[in-house]
Amino acid sequence: MCFSASASFTASAVLFVSGIVAIRKIKDPKNNFHFVPFAVIPFLFGLQQFSEGFIWLSYIHSYSVSIHQISTSFFLLFAQVIWPVFVPFSIYLLEKDSKRNKILLSLSIFGLFLAVYLAYCLITFPFQASIRGSHIYYSLGFKHHEFTFSGIFYFIPTVLPALISTTKYMVYFGLTILVSFIFSKVFYGEYVISVWCFFAAILSVIITFIIWKANETGLVKKIPVK
């Protein structure tokens, strides 16, 4: 499997459209606003893939160092900071079961602390992106990235919420993201940041399906936590 600038830009275009469709599928957005954060995930993934397309181009066409650095920073901002907090919180907003709701809120808070820590690391330590073969390798200067179990802390807020949620079909979203992570880790090793984000981005079109199915039975408003 080969990844390239065209793959990133094509993926971003598909995701932009998917995000727009997902948002438009929400009936009465004012009264069902809790669906909006989840619906915009494909669109946000589209922005992330678009930035990675520029990382490819910065090598192919020798763009300025500033463009390369901005694109790399933008990609890692999503990968390391936004997703650990945005994914669990968007799923938490959809949860109708009060017990699961509390668990998802806890995972969202965990994701927030993780995001703050990773943001600190990105600001404090050096990082860079380089092309190796047909993949992008992200070199992160902070030491936790080298630990064997560091991925677990990232896995907890980004994958676990979808497996816990009682929202219809959400478990399939979680399972596909999990399988894509295992596949990326086993077959692409050191390129897992780029490859898994690519697969997660493509798989996020499932979000449109989840919202579409929710509309078939009517969007059920969130039950407040007691």
Protein backbone atom coordinates (compact mmCIF):
# COMPACT_ATOMS: atom_id res chain seq x y z
CA MET A 1 0.00 0.00 0.00
CA CYS A 2 1.43 3.38 -0.98
CA PHE A 3 0.64 6.77 0.55
CA SER A 4 1.28 10.06 -1.18
CA ALA A 5 0.20 13.68 -1.54
CA SER A 6 -2.59 12.62 -3.90
CA ALA A 7 -3.83 10.02 -1.38
CA SER A 8 -3.92 12.64 1.39
CA PHE A 9 -5.71 15.24 -0.75
CA THR A 10 -8.18 12.68 -2.10
CA ALA A 11 -8.94 11.49 1.41
CA SER A 12 -9.43 15.06 2.60
CA ALA A 13 -11.90 15.77 -0.23
CA VAL A 14 -13.92 12.64 0.60
CA LEU A 15 -13.91 13.57 4.28
CA PHE A 16 -14.99 17.16 3.66
CA VAL A 17 -17.99 15.90 1.71
CA SER A 18 -18.72 13.22 4.33
CA GLY A 19 -18.61 15.83 7.10
CA ILE A 20 -21.00 18.12 5.26
CA VAL A 21 -23.39 15.23 4.60
CA ALA A 22 -23.21 14.13 8.26
CA ILE A 23 -24.08 17.63 9.47
CA ARG A 24 -26.93 17.95 6.98
CA LYS A 25 -28.31 14.60 8.18
CA ILE A 26 -28.99 16.08 11.62
CA LYS A 27 -32.66 16.94 11.88
CA ASP A 28 -33.43 20.13 13.78
CA PRO A 29 -29.78 20.94 14.70
CA LYS A 30 -30.85 23.55 17.28
CA ASN A 31 -32.60 20.93 19.41
CA ASN A 32 -30.13 18.18 18.57
CA PHE A 33 -26.92 20.16 18.86
CA HIS A 34 -25.30 17.33 20.84
CA PHE A 35 -24.92 15.47 17.51
CA VAL A 36 -22.94 18.29 15.88
CA PRO A 37 -19.47 17.67 17.45
CA PHE A 38 -19.63 13.99 16.43
CA ALA A 39 -20.81 14.92 12.93
CA VAL A 40 -17.92 17.31 12.28
CA ILE A 41 -15.24 14.66 13.01
CA PRO A 42 -14.92 13.64 9.31
CA PHE A 43 -14.54 17.32 8.36
CA LEU A 44 -11.81 17.81 10.98
CA PHE A 45 -10.06 14.65 9.79
CA GLY A 46 -10.25 16.17 6.31
CA LEU A 47 -8.32 19.22 7.54
CA GLN A 48 -5.70 16.96 9.10
CA GLN A 49 -5.23 14.94 5.91
CA PHE A 50 -5.10 18.17 3.89
CA SER A 51 -2.20 19.37 6.05
CA GLU A 52 -0.36 16.07 5.55
CA GLY A 53 -0.75 16.54 1.80
CA PHE A 54 1.30 19.72 2.15
CA ILE A 55 3.96 17.85 4.08
CA TRP A 56 4.35 15.59 1.04
CA LEU A 57 4.45 18.57 -1.30
CA SER A 58 7.02 20.37 0.83
CA TYR A 59 9.45 17.55 -0.03
CA ILE A 60 8.41 16.97 -3.62
CA HIS A 61 8.50 20.62 -4.63
CA SER A 62 10.97 21.93 -2.03
CA TYR A 63 8.52 24.33 -0.44
CA SER A 64 9.81 26.73 2.21
CA VAL A 65 10.75 25.41 5.63
CA SER A 66 7.97 27.50 7.19
CA ILE A 67 5.26 25.78 5.12
CA HIS A 68 6.65 22.37 6.05
CA GLN A 69 6.81 23.27 9.74
CA ILE A 70 3.31 24.76 9.80
CA SER A 71 1.86 21.69 8.07
CA THR A 72 3.66 19.33 10.45
CA SER A 73 2.55 21.34 13.49
CA PHE A 74 -1.05 21.38 12.24
CA PHE A 75 -1.09 17.61 11.67
CA LEU A 76 0.40 16.82 15.08
CA LEU A 77 -1.93 19.29 16.77
CA PHE A 78 -4.85 17.12 15.63
CA ALA A 79 -3.11 13.78 16.20
CA GLN A 80 -1.71 14.53 19.65
CA VAL A 81 -3.94 17.22 21.16
CA ILE A 82 -7.38 17.50 19.55
CA TRP A 83 -8.39 13.85 19.12
CA PRO A 84 -7.72 12.65 22.72
CA VAL A 85 -10.27 15.15 24.04
CA PHE A 86 -12.62 15.78 21.12
CA VAL A 87 -13.45 12.13 20.32
CA PRO A 88 -14.52 11.03 23.82
CA PHE A 89 -16.40 14.28 24.47
CA SER A 90 -18.37 14.06 21.21
CA ILE A 91 -19.37 10.47 22.05
CA TYR A 92 -20.22 11.46 25.62
CA LEU A 93 -22.69 14.04 24.32
CA LEU A 94 -24.63 11.30 22.52
CA GLU A 95 -24.85 8.86 25.40
CA LYS A 96 -28.36 8.19 26.81
CA ASP A 97 -27.45 5.69 29.54
CA SER A 98 -26.64 7.56 32.77
CA LYS A 99 -24.00 5.06 33.98
CA ARG A 100 -22.17 4.95 30.66
CA ASN A 101 -22.54 8.73 30.52
CA LYS A 102 -20.48 9.10 33.70
CA ILE A 103 -17.81 6.72 32.38
CA LEU A 104 -17.57 8.63 29.11
CA LEU A 105 -17.31 11.91 30.99
CA SER A 106 -14.41 10.46 32.99
CA LEU A 107 -12.70 9.37 29.76
CA SER A 108 -13.23 12.86 28.34
CA ILE A 109 -11.55 14.38 31.39
CA PHE A 110 -8.69 11.87 31.08
CA GLY A 111 -8.38 12.85 27.41
CA LEU A 112 -8.28 16.53 28.37
CA PHE A 113 -5.37 15.98 30.77
CA LEU A 114 -3.57 13.90 28.15
CA ALA A 115 -4.14 16.58 25.52
CA VAL A 116 -2.76 19.29 27.82
CA TYR A 117 0.33 17.18 28.52
CA LEU A 118 0.92 16.40 24.83
CA ALA A 119 0.40 20.06 23.92
CA TYR A 120 3.09 20.94 26.48
CA CYS A 121 5.40 18.35 24.90
CA LEU A 122 4.85 19.70 21.39
CA ILE A 123 5.62 23.22 22.59
CA THR A 124 8.64 22.22 24.68
CA PHE A 125 10.37 19.50 22.66
CA PRO A 126 11.47 19.43 18.99
CA PHE A 127 9.56 17.43 16.39
CA GLN A 128 9.82 16.90 12.66
CA ALA A 129 8.34 14.99 9.73
CA SER A 130 10.39 13.23 7.08
CA ILE A 131 9.64 11.05 4.07
CA ARG A 132 10.89 7.48 4.30
CA GLY A 133 9.99 5.41 1.28
CA SER A 134 6.28 5.90 0.73
CA HIS A 135 5.42 7.01 4.25
CA ILE A 136 5.81 9.98 6.53
CA TYR A 137 7.78 9.45 9.71
CA TYR A 138 7.06 11.79 12.62
CA SER A 139 9.97 12.18 15.00
CA LEU A 140 8.80 13.35 18.43
CA GLY A 141 11.38 14.66 20.86
CA PHE A 142 9.56 13.82 24.07
CA LYS A 143 10.67 10.59 25.73
CA HIS A 144 7.23 9.13 26.58
CA HIS A 145 6.73 8.46 22.88
CA GLU A 146 9.45 5.79 23.03
CA PHE A 147 7.83 3.81 25.85
CA THR A 148 6.19 0.52 24.87
CA PHE A 149 2.98 1.23 26.77
CA SER A 150 2.66 4.92 25.89
CA GLY A 151 0.11 4.04 23.19
CA ILE A 152 -2.27 2.70 25.83
CA PHE A 153 -2.72 6.16 27.31
CA TYR A 154 -3.67 7.43 23.84
CA PHE A 155 -5.87 4.41 23.14
CA ILE A 156 -7.99 4.96 26.29
CA PRO A 157 -9.66 8.25 25.24
CA THR A 158 -9.59 7.78 21.45
CA VAL A 159 -10.88 4.21 21.01
CA LEU A 160 -12.40 2.98 24.28
CA PRO A 161 -15.33 5.49 24.35
CA ALA A 162 -16.75 4.13 21.09
CA LEU A 163 -16.61 0.58 22.48
CA ILE A 164 -18.35 1.63 25.70
CA SER A 165 -21.06 3.79 24.14
CA THR A 166 -24.60 2.46 23.83
CA THR A 167 -25.29 4.69 20.80
CA LYS A 168 -26.49 2.45 17.98
CA TYR A 169 -23.70 1.21 15.68
CA MET A 170 -21.05 3.15 17.64
CA VAL A 171 -19.34 -0.10 18.65
CA TYR A 172 -18.66 -0.85 14.96
CA PHE A 173 -16.95 2.51 14.65
CA GLY A 174 -14.81 1.67 17.67
CA LEU A 175 -13.94 -1.80 16.41
CA THR A 176 -12.91 -0.58 12.96
CA ILE A 177 -10.69 2.08 14.51
CA LEU A 178 -9.18 -0.54 16.83
CA VAL A 179 -8.52 -2.98 13.99
CA SER A 180 -6.94 -0.21 11.91
CA PHE A 181 -4.64 0.66 14.84
CA ILE A 182 -3.51 -2.96 15.26
CA PHE A 183 -2.98 -3.28 11.50
CA SER A 184 -0.97 -0.04 11.40
CA LYS A 185 1.11 -1.01 14.43
CA VAL A 186 1.91 -4.52 13.15
CA PHE A 187 2.61 -3.73 9.50
CA TYR A 188 3.78 -0.10 9.58
CA GLY A 189 5.49 0.12 12.99
CA GLU A 190 7.32 3.44 13.21
CA TYR A 191 4.90 5.09 10.76
CA VAL A 192 1.87 4.38 12.96
CA ILE A 193 1.06 8.06 13.61
CA SER A 194 0.63 8.82 9.92
CA VAL A 195 -0.84 5.49 8.79
CA TRP A 196 -3.34 5.11 11.64
CA CYS A 197 -4.53 8.69 11.22
CA PHE A 198 -5.06 7.97 7.52
CA PHE A 199 -7.12 4.85 8.23
CA ALA A 200 -9.02 6.53 11.07
CA ALA A 201 -9.82 9.41 8.76
CA ILE A 202 -11.21 7.14 6.04
CA LEU A 203 -13.13 5.05 8.57
CA SER A 204 -14.69 8.17 10.07
CA VAL A 205 -17.15 8.18 7.17
CA ILE A 206 -18.94 5.57 9.31
CA ILE A 207 -20.03 8.57 11.37
CA THR A 208 -22.31 9.64 8.55
CA PHE A 209 -23.92 6.18 8.62
CA ILE A 210 -24.42 6.35 12.41
CA ILE A 211 -26.16 9.72 12.20
CA TRP A 212 -28.21 8.60 9.21
CA LYS A 213 -29.43 5.57 11.16
CA ALA A 214 -30.16 7.74 14.20
CA ASN A 215 -32.40 9.90 12.04
CA GLU A 216 -34.38 6.89 10.87
CA THR A 217 -35.64 6.34 14.40
CA GLY A 218 -35.47 9.99 15.40
CA LEU A 219 -32.68 11.66 17.31
CA VAL A 220 -33.18 10.90 20.97
CA LYS A 221 -32.23 13.78 23.22
CA LYS A 222 -29.60 13.17 25.83
CA ILE A 223 -30.82 12.11 29.26
CA PRO A 224 -29.20 14.33 31.91
CA VAL A 225 -26.85 12.64 34.35
CA LYS A 226 -28.48 12.26 37.74
